Amino acid sequence: MAKARNGSAFRERIRIKPDVPQTAATAVEVRSCAAPGCKEEGAYRVTKSREELGKYVWLCLAHARAHNESWDYFKGMSEQQIESFRNDAITGHRPTWPLGKRAARLHNTLRDFDFDNAFGVAKERQDPPSPRRPERQVTRLQQTAFDTLNLEPSATLNEIKARYKELVKRFHPDANGGDRGAEERLKQVIKAYGVLRASGLT
């Protein structure tokens, strides 16, 4: 019997949370309604105002229902402000910009920051190289046509047309006072342009 009593006493000593009498139990705190003069329980959370969307007040059911029925987010706003809000809502009220205005570019750390390069550790600033024109594969006949027009094979459509107009005006007999000395050169220019045009390059 003594052994049993010792075991019971041991269990009482290691009890983590002692029994609390029912009379000492704490009362549950009740939040009152935030409406002036209302004594009901404020069990419903509603937004405080349009300017403070992150702040809330607690109301009873009747006052929360009345608050929601009378809630008008656009109250006091002009038609122009409402239209601006509607347009901004399409992008989630985030800043936008026209396509291409914020195109990605290669960042050069030496261009973005200024520092003293007294020991010449970093290279001097240089502008990024301009993109090369794509090299065009041409036949021997097309190369001769480009040589006649004094152009590179990588010339653009506008450059070919501009050079053709320039040479026709220069070698046309009317531009030389009726002199037909440059007529042969004019025929070569017209033939070269015809070759390029037939090849689909103009």
N, C-alpha and C. Protein backbone atom coordinates (compact mmCIF):
# COMPACT_ATOMS: atom_id res chain seq x y z
N MET A 1 0.81 -1.21 0.00
CA MET A 1 0.00 0.00 0.00
C MET A 1 0.84 1.26 0.00
N ALA A 2 1.95 1.20 0.73
CA ALA A 2 2.84 2.36 0.77
C ALA A 2 3.44 2.62 -0.60
N LYS A 3 3.71 1.52 -1.33
CA LYS A 3 4.27 1.68 -2.67
C LYS A 3 3.29 2.38 -3.60
N ALA A 4 2.04 2.05 -3.47
CA ALA A 4 1.01 2.68 -4.32
C ALA A 4 0.88 4.15 -3.99
N ARG A 5 0.95 4.46 -2.67
CA ARG A 5 0.84 5.87 -2.29
C ARG A 5 2.02 6.67 -2.83
N ASN A 6 3.21 6.09 -2.77
CA ASN A 6 4.38 6.80 -3.31
C ASN A 6 4.23 7.05 -4.82
N GLY A 7 3.72 6.05 -5.52
CA GLY A 7 3.52 6.22 -6.97
C GLY A 7 2.52 7.31 -7.26
N SER A 8 1.45 7.39 -6.50
CA SER A 8 0.43 8.42 -6.69
C SER A 8 0.99 9.80 -6.40
N ALA A 9 1.79 9.91 -5.36
CA ALA A 9 2.40 11.20 -5.02
C ALA A 9 3.38 11.65 -6.10
N PHE A 10 4.06 10.69 -6.68
CA PHE A 10 5.01 11.03 -7.74
C PHE A 10 4.28 11.59 -8.96
N ARG A 11 3.16 10.96 -9.30
CA ARG A 11 2.39 11.46 -10.45
C ARG A 11 1.85 12.86 -10.18
N GLU A 12 1.51 13.18 -8.97
CA GLU A 12 1.02 14.52 -8.64
C GLU A 12 2.12 15.56 -8.78
N ARG A 13 3.36 15.19 -8.46
CA ARG A 13 4.45 16.14 -8.53
C ARG A 13 4.85 16.47 -9.97
N ILE A 14 4.71 15.54 -10.89
CA ILE A 14 5.11 15.80 -12.29
C ILE A 14 3.96 16.30 -13.15
N ARG A 15 2.81 16.53 -12.58
CA ARG A 15 1.68 17.05 -13.38
C ARG A 15 2.06 18.43 -13.93
N ILE A 16 1.93 18.60 -15.22
CA ILE A 16 2.36 19.84 -15.88
C ILE A 16 1.36 20.96 -15.63
N LYS A 17 0.13 20.71 -15.85
CA LYS A 17 -0.89 21.74 -15.69
C LYS A 17 -1.86 21.33 -14.60
N PRO A 18 -1.86 22.06 -13.51
CA PRO A 18 -2.77 21.67 -12.42
C PRO A 18 -4.21 21.89 -12.81
N ASP A 19 -5.06 21.13 -12.18
CA ASP A 19 -6.50 21.29 -12.44
C ASP A 19 -6.97 22.66 -11.97
N VAL A 20 -7.78 23.33 -12.79
CA VAL A 20 -8.31 24.64 -12.44
C VAL A 20 -9.77 24.49 -12.06
N PRO A 21 -10.12 24.95 -10.93
CA PRO A 21 -11.53 24.84 -10.54
C PRO A 21 -12.43 25.61 -11.51
N GLN A 22 -13.62 25.12 -11.70
CA GLN A 22 -14.56 25.75 -12.61
C GLN A 22 -14.88 27.19 -12.22
N THR A 23 -14.82 27.49 -10.96
CA THR A 23 -15.14 28.84 -10.51
C THR A 23 -14.06 29.84 -10.88
N ALA A 24 -12.80 29.34 -11.15
CA ALA A 24 -11.69 30.23 -11.46
C ALA A 24 -11.48 30.39 -12.97
N ALA A 25 -12.32 29.76 -13.79
CA ALA A 25 -12.18 29.85 -15.25
C ALA A 25 -12.38 31.29 -15.71
N THR A 26 -11.53 31.71 -16.66
CA THR A 26 -11.61 33.09 -17.15
C THR A 26 -12.79 33.27 -18.08
N ALA A 27 -13.39 34.42 -18.02
CA ALA A 27 -14.54 34.72 -18.87
C ALA A 27 -14.09 35.06 -20.28
N VAL A 28 -14.87 34.66 -21.30
CA VAL A 28 -14.56 34.94 -22.71
C VAL A 28 -14.82 36.42 -22.99
N GLU A 29 -13.82 37.08 -23.63
CA GLU A 29 -13.97 38.50 -23.92
C GLU A 29 -14.83 38.69 -25.16
N VAL A 30 -15.80 39.54 -25.09
CA VAL A 30 -16.72 39.79 -26.19
C VAL A 30 -16.42 41.16 -26.77
N ARG A 31 -16.21 41.24 -28.11
CA ARG A 31 -15.96 42.51 -28.79
C ARG A 31 -17.28 43.20 -29.05
N SER A 32 -17.38 44.44 -28.64
CA SER A 32 -18.64 45.18 -28.83
C SER A 32 -18.67 45.81 -30.22
N CYS A 33 -19.87 46.10 -30.69
CA CYS A 33 -20.07 46.71 -32.01
C CYS A 33 -19.50 48.14 -32.00
N ALA A 34 -18.84 48.51 -33.12
CA ALA A 34 -18.21 49.82 -33.21
C ALA A 34 -19.20 50.93 -33.52
N ALA A 35 -20.44 50.60 -33.84
CA ALA A 35 -21.44 51.64 -34.12
C ALA A 35 -21.78 52.38 -32.83
N PRO A 36 -21.88 53.69 -32.90
CA PRO A 36 -22.18 54.47 -31.67
C PRO A 36 -23.51 54.06 -31.05
N GLY A 37 -23.48 53.79 -29.75
CA GLY A 37 -24.70 53.48 -29.02
C GLY A 37 -25.15 52.05 -29.13
N CYS A 38 -24.47 51.20 -29.91
CA CYS A 38 -24.88 49.80 -30.08
C CYS A 38 -24.17 48.94 -29.05
N LYS A 39 -24.93 48.05 -28.40
CA LYS A 39 -24.37 47.18 -27.37
C LYS A 39 -24.29 45.73 -27.81
N GLU A 40 -24.56 45.48 -29.11
CA GLU A 40 -24.49 44.12 -29.62
C GLU A 40 -23.02 43.71 -29.81
N GLU A 41 -22.83 42.41 -30.06
CA GLU A 41 -21.48 41.89 -30.27
C GLU A 41 -20.99 42.23 -31.68
N GLY A 42 -19.78 42.77 -31.76
CA GLY A 42 -19.19 43.08 -33.07
C GLY A 42 -18.46 41.88 -33.64
N ALA A 43 -19.20 41.01 -34.32
CA ALA A 43 -18.64 39.76 -34.83
C ALA A 43 -18.31 39.80 -36.31
N TYR A 44 -18.58 40.94 -36.98
CA TYR A 44 -18.40 41.01 -38.43
C TYR A 44 -17.44 42.14 -38.77
N ARG A 45 -16.43 41.79 -39.55
CA ARG A 45 -15.40 42.76 -39.91
C ARG A 45 -15.74 43.40 -41.25
N VAL A 46 -15.70 44.73 -41.31
CA VAL A 46 -15.98 45.46 -42.55
C VAL A 46 -14.87 46.48 -42.77
N THR A 47 -14.68 46.87 -44.04
CA THR A 47 -13.66 47.85 -44.39
C THR A 47 -14.02 49.21 -43.82
N LYS A 48 -13.02 49.91 -43.31
CA LYS A 48 -13.27 51.18 -42.65
C LYS A 48 -13.67 52.25 -43.65
N SER A 49 -12.88 52.45 -44.72
CA SER A 49 -13.20 53.47 -45.72
C SER A 49 -12.42 53.19 -46.99
N ARG A 50 -12.73 53.95 -48.05
CA ARG A 50 -12.03 53.78 -49.32
C ARG A 50 -10.57 54.18 -49.20
N GLU A 51 -10.27 55.19 -48.40
CA GLU A 51 -8.90 55.64 -48.24
C GLU A 51 -8.08 54.71 -47.35
N GLU A 52 -8.74 53.88 -46.55
CA GLU A 52 -8.05 52.97 -45.63
C GLU A 52 -8.58 51.55 -45.83
N LEU A 53 -8.28 50.97 -46.99
CA LEU A 53 -8.80 49.65 -47.31
C LEU A 53 -8.19 48.56 -46.44
N GLY A 54 -7.02 48.81 -45.87
CA GLY A 54 -6.37 47.82 -45.04
C GLY A 54 -6.79 47.86 -43.59
N LYS A 55 -7.65 48.80 -43.22
CA LYS A 55 -8.11 48.92 -41.84
C LYS A 55 -9.59 48.53 -41.77
N TYR A 56 -9.96 47.87 -40.66
CA TYR A 56 -11.31 47.33 -40.54
C TYR A 56 -11.93 47.75 -39.20
N VAL A 57 -13.24 47.66 -39.15
CA VAL A 57 -13.99 47.86 -37.90
C VAL A 57 -14.91 46.66 -37.73
N TRP A 58 -15.28 46.41 -36.49
CA TRP A 58 -16.12 45.26 -36.17
C TRP A 58 -17.52 45.75 -35.83
N LEU A 59 -18.49 45.18 -36.51
CA LEU A 59 -19.88 45.59 -36.33
C LEU A 59 -20.75 44.37 -36.05
N CYS A 60 -21.92 44.64 -35.52
CA CYS A 60 -22.90 43.58 -35.35
C CYS A 60 -23.53 43.26 -36.71
N LEU A 61 -24.36 42.24 -36.77
CA LEU A 61 -24.93 41.82 -38.03
C LEU A 61 -25.76 42.92 -38.69
N ALA A 62 -26.59 43.60 -37.92
CA ALA A 62 -27.47 44.63 -38.48
C ALA A 62 -26.66 45.81 -39.03
N HIS A 63 -25.68 46.27 -38.27
CA HIS A 63 -24.89 47.40 -38.73
C HIS A 63 -23.94 47.00 -39.87
N ALA A 64 -23.43 45.79 -39.87
CA ALA A 64 -22.58 45.33 -40.97
C ALA A 64 -23.38 45.24 -42.27
N ARG A 65 -24.63 44.78 -42.16
CA ARG A 65 -25.49 44.70 -43.35
C ARG A 65 -25.80 46.10 -43.88
N ALA A 66 -26.10 47.03 -42.99
CA ALA A 66 -26.39 48.40 -43.41
C ALA A 66 -25.14 49.05 -44.01
N HIS A 67 -23.98 48.76 -43.46
CA HIS A 67 -22.72 49.31 -43.99
C HIS A 67 -22.46 48.80 -45.40
N ASN A 68 -22.67 47.51 -45.64
CA ASN A 68 -22.42 46.94 -46.96
C ASN A 68 -23.43 47.43 -47.99
N GLU A 69 -24.68 47.62 -47.58
CA GLU A 69 -25.70 48.10 -48.53
C GLU A 69 -25.44 49.54 -48.95
N SER A 70 -24.88 50.35 -48.05
CA SER A 70 -24.63 51.76 -48.38
C SER A 70 -23.21 51.99 -48.91
N TRP A 71 -22.40 50.94 -49.01
CA TRP A 71 -21.02 51.09 -49.45
C TRP A 71 -20.96 51.47 -50.92
N ASP A 72 -20.30 52.56 -51.24
CA ASP A 72 -20.11 53.01 -52.63
C ASP A 72 -18.66 53.45 -52.77
N TYR A 73 -17.85 52.63 -53.42
CA TYR A 73 -16.42 52.93 -53.53
C TYR A 73 -16.19 54.22 -54.31
N PHE A 74 -17.03 54.50 -55.29
CA PHE A 74 -16.82 55.65 -56.19
C PHE A 74 -17.55 56.90 -55.72
N LYS A 75 -18.05 56.89 -54.52
CA LYS A 75 -18.79 58.04 -54.01
C LYS A 75 -17.85 59.25 -53.90
N GLY A 76 -18.27 60.38 -54.47
CA GLY A 76 -17.46 61.59 -54.44
C GLY A 76 -16.44 61.70 -55.56
N MET A 77 -16.36 60.71 -56.43
CA MET A 77 -15.41 60.76 -57.55
C MET A 77 -16.11 61.26 -58.80
N SER A 78 -15.36 62.01 -59.62
CA SER A 78 -15.92 62.53 -60.86
C SER A 78 -15.94 61.43 -61.93
N GLU A 79 -16.62 61.71 -63.03
CA GLU A 79 -16.68 60.74 -64.13
C GLU A 79 -15.29 60.46 -64.68
N GLN A 80 -14.47 61.49 -64.76
CA GLN A 80 -13.10 61.31 -65.28
C GLN A 80 -12.27 60.43 -64.35
N GLN A 81 -12.43 60.61 -63.03
CA GLN A 81 -11.69 59.79 -62.07
C GLN A 81 -12.16 58.33 -62.12
N ILE A 82 -13.45 58.14 -62.30
CA ILE A 82 -13.98 56.77 -62.39
C ILE A 82 -13.47 56.10 -63.66
N GLU A 83 -13.44 56.83 -64.78
CA GLU A 83 -12.94 56.26 -66.04
C GLU A 83 -11.46 55.93 -65.94
N SER A 84 -10.69 56.81 -65.27
CA SER A 84 -9.27 56.55 -65.08
C SER A 84 -9.05 55.33 -64.21
N PHE A 85 -9.87 55.18 -63.17
CA PHE A 85 -9.77 54.00 -62.30
C PHE A 85 -10.09 52.73 -63.09
N ARG A 86 -11.10 52.79 -63.94
CA ARG A 86 -11.48 51.62 -64.74
C ARG A 86 -10.38 51.22 -65.70
N ASN A 87 -9.73 52.20 -66.34
CA ASN A 87 -8.65 51.89 -67.26
C ASN A 87 -7.43 51.32 -66.53
N ASP A 88 -7.14 51.87 -65.35
CA ASP A 88 -6.00 51.36 -64.58
C ASP A 88 -6.27 49.96 -64.03
N ALA A 89 -7.54 49.64 -63.81
CA ALA A 89 -7.88 48.32 -63.27
C ALA A 89 -7.56 47.20 -64.26
N ILE A 90 -7.48 47.52 -65.55
CA ILE A 90 -7.17 46.51 -66.55
C ILE A 90 -5.79 45.93 -66.31
N THR A 91 -4.85 46.76 -65.87
CA THR A 91 -3.49 46.31 -65.60
C THR A 91 -3.22 46.15 -64.11
N GLY A 92 -4.27 46.08 -63.31
CA GLY A 92 -4.08 45.90 -61.88
C GLY A 92 -3.49 47.11 -61.19
N HIS A 93 -3.73 48.31 -61.76
CA HIS A 93 -3.23 49.57 -61.21
C HIS A 93 -1.70 49.57 -61.12
N ARG A 94 -1.06 48.91 -62.09
CA ARG A 94 0.40 48.90 -62.16
C ARG A 94 0.84 49.82 -63.29
N PRO A 95 2.04 50.40 -63.20
CA PRO A 95 2.50 51.30 -64.26
C PRO A 95 2.74 50.55 -65.56
N THR A 96 2.39 51.18 -66.67
CA THR A 96 2.61 50.59 -67.99
C THR A 96 3.33 51.59 -68.86
N TRP A 97 3.83 51.15 -70.01
CA TRP A 97 4.53 52.00 -70.96
C TRP A 97 4.32 51.44 -72.35
N PRO A 98 4.44 52.27 -73.39
CA PRO A 98 4.25 51.79 -74.76
C PRO A 98 5.27 50.72 -75.11
N LEU A 99 4.89 49.84 -76.02
CA LEU A 99 5.76 48.76 -76.45
C LEU A 99 7.03 49.32 -77.07
N GLY A 100 8.16 48.84 -76.61
CA GLY A 100 9.45 49.26 -77.16
C GLY A 100 10.12 50.39 -76.40
N LYS A 101 9.39 51.06 -75.50
CA LYS A 101 9.98 52.19 -74.77
C LYS A 101 10.98 51.70 -73.72
N ARG A 102 10.74 50.51 -73.16
CA ARG A 102 11.64 49.97 -72.15
C ARG A 102 12.28 48.69 -72.66
N ALA A 103 12.75 48.72 -73.91
CA ALA A 103 13.38 47.53 -74.48
C ALA A 103 14.63 47.16 -73.70
N ALA A 104 14.82 45.86 -73.59
CA ALA A 104 15.99 45.40 -72.85
C ALA A 104 17.26 45.79 -73.59
N ARG A 105 18.28 46.16 -72.84
CA ARG A 105 19.56 46.50 -73.45
C ARG A 105 20.66 45.82 -72.67
N LEU A 106 21.79 45.63 -73.34
CA LEU A 106 22.92 45.03 -72.67
C LEU A 106 23.52 46.04 -71.71
N HIS A 107 23.66 45.65 -70.47
CA HIS A 107 24.18 46.55 -69.45
C HIS A 107 25.69 46.43 -69.40
N ASN A 108 26.34 47.54 -69.52
CA ASN A 108 27.78 47.60 -69.37
C ASN A 108 28.06 48.21 -68.00
N THR A 109 28.69 47.43 -67.14
CA THR A 109 28.91 47.90 -65.77
C THR A 109 29.77 49.15 -65.75
N LEU A 110 30.65 49.31 -66.74
CA LEU A 110 31.50 50.49 -66.77
C LEU A 110 30.72 51.72 -67.21
N ARG A 111 29.62 51.52 -67.94
CA ARG A 111 28.81 52.65 -68.38
C ARG A 111 27.81 53.05 -67.31
N ASP A 112 27.40 52.08 -66.48
CA ASP A 112 26.38 52.37 -65.48
C ASP A 112 26.94 53.07 -64.24
N PHE A 113 28.25 52.92 -63.99
CA PHE A 113 28.83 53.48 -62.79
C PHE A 113 30.09 54.26 -63.13
N ASP A 114 30.30 55.33 -62.41
CA ASP A 114 31.52 56.12 -62.55
C ASP A 114 32.44 55.81 -61.38
N PHE A 115 33.69 55.51 -61.68
CA PHE A 115 34.66 55.26 -60.63
C PHE A 115 36.04 55.66 -61.12
N ASP A 116 36.93 55.79 -60.20
CA ASP A 116 38.29 56.22 -60.52
C ASP A 116 39.07 55.02 -61.04
N ASN A 117 39.53 55.12 -62.28
CA ASN A 117 40.28 54.04 -62.92
C ASN A 117 41.74 54.47 -63.07
N ALA A 118 42.33 54.92 -61.97
CA ALA A 118 43.68 55.48 -62.03
C ALA A 118 44.72 54.45 -62.45
N PHE A 119 44.52 53.19 -62.10
CA PHE A 119 45.51 52.16 -62.41
C PHE A 119 45.22 51.44 -63.72
N GLY A 120 44.18 51.86 -64.43
CA GLY A 120 43.90 51.27 -65.73
C GLY A 120 43.45 49.83 -65.66
N VAL A 121 42.77 49.46 -64.56
CA VAL A 121 42.32 48.08 -64.44
C VAL A 121 41.19 47.79 -65.42
N ALA A 122 40.27 48.74 -65.55
CA ALA A 122 39.13 48.55 -66.43
C ALA A 122 39.39 49.25 -67.75
N LYS A 123 38.80 48.72 -68.80
CA LYS A 123 38.95 49.30 -70.13
C LYS A 123 38.15 50.59 -70.22
N GLU A 124 38.53 51.41 -71.18
CA GLU A 124 37.82 52.66 -71.40
C GLU A 124 36.41 52.37 -71.90
N ARG A 125 35.52 53.33 -71.67
CA ARG A 125 34.16 53.17 -72.13
C ARG A 125 34.10 53.13 -73.64
N GLN A 126 33.28 52.25 -74.14
CA GLN A 126 33.08 52.14 -75.57
C GLN A 126 31.60 51.98 -75.84
N ASP A 127 31.16 52.59 -76.94
CA ASP A 127 29.77 52.42 -77.33
C ASP A 127 29.57 51.01 -77.84
N PRO A 128 28.40 50.43 -77.58
CA PRO A 128 28.16 49.07 -78.08
C PRO A 128 28.23 49.03 -79.59
N PRO A 129 28.82 47.99 -80.17
CA PRO A 129 28.94 47.91 -81.62
C PRO A 129 27.58 47.83 -82.28
N SER A 130 27.46 48.49 -83.43
CA SER A 130 26.21 48.44 -84.17
C SER A 130 26.06 47.07 -84.83
N PRO A 131 24.85 46.58 -84.94
CA PRO A 131 24.65 45.25 -85.53
C PRO A 131 25.08 45.22 -86.99
N ARG A 132 25.71 44.12 -87.39
CA ARG A 132 26.15 43.97 -88.77
C ARG A 132 24.97 43.63 -89.66
N ARG A 133 25.05 44.09 -90.87
CA ARG A 133 24.02 43.73 -91.84
C ARG A 133 24.18 42.26 -92.23
N PRO A 134 23.08 41.58 -92.45
CA PRO A 134 23.20 40.18 -92.85
C PRO A 134 23.86 40.06 -94.23
N GLU A 135 24.78 39.11 -94.34
CA GLU A 135 25.46 38.92 -95.61
C GLU A 135 24.54 38.19 -96.58
N ARG A 136 24.48 38.73 -97.79
CA ARG A 136 23.59 38.19 -98.81
C ARG A 136 24.40 37.36 -99.80
N GLN A 137 23.94 36.16 -100.08
CA GLN A 137 24.60 35.30 -101.07
C GLN A 137 24.09 35.69 -102.46
N VAL A 138 25.01 36.11 -103.33
CA VAL A 138 24.62 36.57 -104.66
C VAL A 138 25.37 35.75 -105.72
N THR A 139 24.77 35.71 -106.90
CA THR A 139 25.41 35.05 -108.03
C THR A 139 26.41 36.00 -108.69
N ARG A 140 27.16 35.47 -109.65
CA ARG A 140 28.15 36.31 -110.33
C ARG A 140 27.45 37.43 -111.11
N LEU A 141 26.29 37.12 -111.72
CA LEU A 141 25.55 38.13 -112.48
C LEU A 141 25.04 39.24 -111.55
N GLN A 142 24.56 38.83 -110.36
CA GLN A 142 24.09 39.82 -109.41
C GLN A 142 25.26 40.66 -108.87
N GLN A 143 26.42 40.03 -108.65
CA GLN A 143 27.58 40.78 -108.19
C GLN A 143 28.01 41.82 -109.22
N THR A 144 27.94 41.45 -110.51
CA THR A 144 28.26 42.41 -111.58
C THR A 144 27.29 43.57 -111.57
N ALA A 145 26.01 43.27 -111.31
CA ALA A 145 25.00 44.33 -111.25
C ALA A 145 25.28 45.27 -110.08
N PHE A 146 25.66 44.73 -108.93
CA PHE A 146 26.00 45.58 -107.79
C PHE A 146 27.23 46.43 -108.09
N ASP A 147 28.21 45.84 -108.79
CA ASP A 147 29.41 46.60 -109.15
C ASP A 147 29.06 47.74 -110.10
N THR A 148 28.13 47.48 -111.02
CA THR A 148 27.73 48.52 -111.97
C THR A 148 27.08 49.69 -111.24
N LEU A 149 26.29 49.38 -110.22
CA LEU A 149 25.64 50.43 -109.43
C LEU A 149 26.54 50.96 -108.33
N ASN A 150 27.76 50.41 -108.22
CA ASN A 150 28.72 50.83 -107.20
C ASN A 150 28.12 50.65 -105.79
N LEU A 151 27.60 49.46 -105.55
CA LEU A 151 26.99 49.13 -104.26
C LEU A 151 27.55 47.82 -103.74
N GLU A 152 27.45 47.63 -102.42
CA GLU A 152 27.83 46.38 -101.80
C GLU A 152 26.66 45.39 -101.90
N PRO A 153 26.95 44.08 -101.90
CA PRO A 153 25.86 43.09 -101.98
C PRO A 153 24.90 43.16 -100.80
N SER A 154 25.32 43.80 -99.72
CA SER A 154 24.44 43.90 -98.55
C SER A 154 23.56 45.15 -98.59
N ALA A 155 23.55 45.86 -99.72
CA ALA A 155 22.77 47.09 -99.82
C ALA A 155 21.28 46.79 -99.65
N THR A 156 20.58 47.72 -99.03
CA THR A 156 19.15 47.54 -98.80
C THR A 156 18.35 47.92 -100.04
N LEU A 157 17.07 47.62 -99.98
CA LEU A 157 16.18 47.94 -101.10
C LEU A 157 16.15 49.44 -101.37
N ASN A 158 16.07 50.24 -100.33
CA ASN A 158 16.03 51.69 -100.50
C ASN A 158 17.33 52.22 -101.08
N GLU A 159 18.46 51.65 -100.67
CA GLU A 159 19.76 52.09 -101.20
C GLU A 159 19.88 51.76 -102.68
N ILE A 160 19.39 50.58 -103.09
CA ILE A 160 19.46 50.20 -104.51
C ILE A 160 18.59 51.13 -105.35
N LYS A 161 17.39 51.40 -104.89
CA LYS A 161 16.50 52.28 -105.66
C LYS A 161 17.04 53.71 -105.73
N ALA A 162 17.59 54.19 -104.60
CA ALA A 162 18.13 55.55 -104.59
C ALA A 162 19.32 55.67 -105.52
N ARG A 163 20.22 54.67 -105.54
CA ARG A 163 21.38 54.73 -106.44
C ARG A 163 20.95 54.64 -107.90
N TYR A 164 19.95 53.81 -108.20
CA TYR A 164 19.45 53.69 -109.57
C TYR A 164 18.90 55.02 -110.06
N LYS A 165 18.09 55.69 -109.26
CA LYS A 165 17.53 56.98 -109.66
C LYS A 165 18.64 58.02 -109.86
N GLU A 166 19.62 57.97 -108.96
CA GLU A 166 20.72 58.94 -109.06
C GLU A 166 21.50 58.76 -110.36
N LEU A 167 21.82 57.50 -110.72
CA LEU A 167 22.62 57.25 -111.93
C LEU A 167 21.83 57.52 -113.20
N VAL A 168 20.53 57.21 -113.18
CA VAL A 168 19.72 57.50 -114.37
C VAL A 168 19.67 58.99 -114.64
N LYS A 169 19.51 59.79 -113.58
CA LYS A 169 19.50 61.24 -113.77
C LYS A 169 20.86 61.75 -114.25
N ARG A 170 21.93 61.11 -113.78
CA ARG A 170 23.26 61.59 -114.13
C ARG A 170 23.62 61.27 -115.59
N PHE A 171 23.25 60.07 -116.06
CA PHE A 171 23.69 59.64 -117.39
C PHE A 171 22.63 59.81 -118.47
N HIS A 172 21.46 60.33 -118.13
CA HIS A 172 20.43 60.52 -119.15
C HIS A 172 20.84 61.65 -120.08
N PRO A 173 20.61 61.49 -121.40
CA PRO A 173 21.00 62.54 -122.37
C PRO A 173 20.40 63.91 -122.06
N ASP A 174 19.18 63.94 -121.53
CA ASP A 174 18.55 65.22 -121.22
C ASP A 174 19.31 65.97 -120.13
N ALA A 175 19.97 65.23 -119.24
CA ALA A 175 20.74 65.86 -118.18
C ALA A 175 22.12 66.31 -118.66
N ASN A 176 22.51 65.87 -119.88
CA ASN A 176 23.82 66.21 -120.43
C ASN A 176 23.70 67.06 -121.70
N GLY A 177 22.63 67.81 -121.78
CA GLY A 177 22.45 68.71 -122.93
C GLY A 177 22.29 67.98 -124.25
N GLY A 178 21.72 66.80 -124.22
CA GLY A 178 21.51 66.03 -125.44
C GLY A 178 22.72 65.21 -125.87
N ASP A 179 23.79 65.24 -125.09
CA ASP A 179 24.99 64.48 -125.41
C ASP A 179 24.73 62.99 -125.15
N ARG A 180 24.99 62.15 -126.17
CA ARG A 180 24.75 60.72 -126.05
C ARG A 180 26.02 59.97 -125.67
N GLY A 181 27.00 60.68 -125.16
CA GLY A 181 28.26 60.03 -124.79
C GLY A 181 28.09 59.09 -123.60
N ALA A 182 27.15 59.37 -122.70
CA ALA A 182 26.95 58.54 -121.53
C ALA A 182 25.78 57.58 -121.70
N GLU A 183 25.30 57.45 -122.95
CA GLU A 183 24.14 56.60 -123.19
C GLU A 183 24.46 55.13 -122.92
N GLU A 184 25.69 54.71 -123.24
CA GLU A 184 26.08 53.32 -123.01
C GLU A 184 26.12 53.01 -121.50
N ARG A 185 26.62 53.97 -120.77
CA ARG A 185 26.66 53.79 -119.31
C ARG A 185 25.26 53.72 -118.75
N LEU A 186 24.33 54.50 -119.30
CA LEU A 186 22.93 54.47 -118.85
C LEU A 186 22.31 53.11 -119.12
N LYS A 187 22.63 52.51 -120.27
CA LYS A 187 22.09 51.18 -120.59
C LYS A 187 22.59 50.13 -119.59
N GLN A 188 23.86 50.24 -119.17
CA GLN A 188 24.42 49.30 -118.20
C GLN A 188 23.70 49.44 -116.85
N VAL A 189 23.43 50.68 -116.46
CA VAL A 189 22.74 50.90 -115.19
C VAL A 189 21.34 50.31 -115.23
N ILE A 190 20.62 50.55 -116.33
CA ILE A 190 19.26 50.02 -116.46
C ILE A 190 19.28 48.50 -116.48
N LYS A 191 20.26 47.91 -117.17
CA LYS A 191 20.37 46.45 -117.23
C LYS A 191 20.69 45.87 -115.84
N ALA A 192 21.58 46.53 -115.11
CA ALA A 192 21.93 46.04 -113.77
C ALA A 192 20.73 46.10 -112.84
N TYR A 193 19.98 47.16 -112.92
CA TYR A 193 18.80 47.27 -112.07
C TYR A 193 17.77 46.22 -112.45
N GLY A 194 17.66 45.93 -113.76
CA GLY A 194 16.74 44.89 -114.21
C GLY A 194 17.14 43.52 -113.68
N VAL A 195 18.46 43.25 -113.61
CA VAL A 195 18.92 41.96 -113.06
C VAL A 195 18.54 41.84 -111.58
N LEU A 196 18.77 42.89 -110.82
CA LEU A 196 18.43 42.86 -109.40
C LEU A 196 16.92 42.76 -109.18
N ARG A 197 16.18 43.43 -110.03
CA ARG A 197 14.73 43.39 -109.90
C ARG A 197 14.19 42.00 -110.23
N ALA A 198 14.75 41.37 -111.28
CA ALA A 198 14.32 40.03 -111.64
C ALA A 198 14.71 39.00 -110.57
N SER A 199 15.76 39.30 -109.81
CA SER A 199 16.20 38.39 -108.74
C SER A 199 15.39 38.56 -107.47
N GLY A 200 14.48 39.54 -107.44
CA GLY A 200 13.68 39.77 -106.25
C GLY A 200 14.38 40.58 -105.18
N LEU A 201 15.48 41.25 -105.53
CA LEU A 201 16.21 42.07 -104.54
C LEU A 201 15.71 43.49 -104.48
N THR A 202 14.82 43.88 -105.38
CA THR A 202 14.27 45.24 -105.36
C THR A 202 12.75 45.17 -105.36
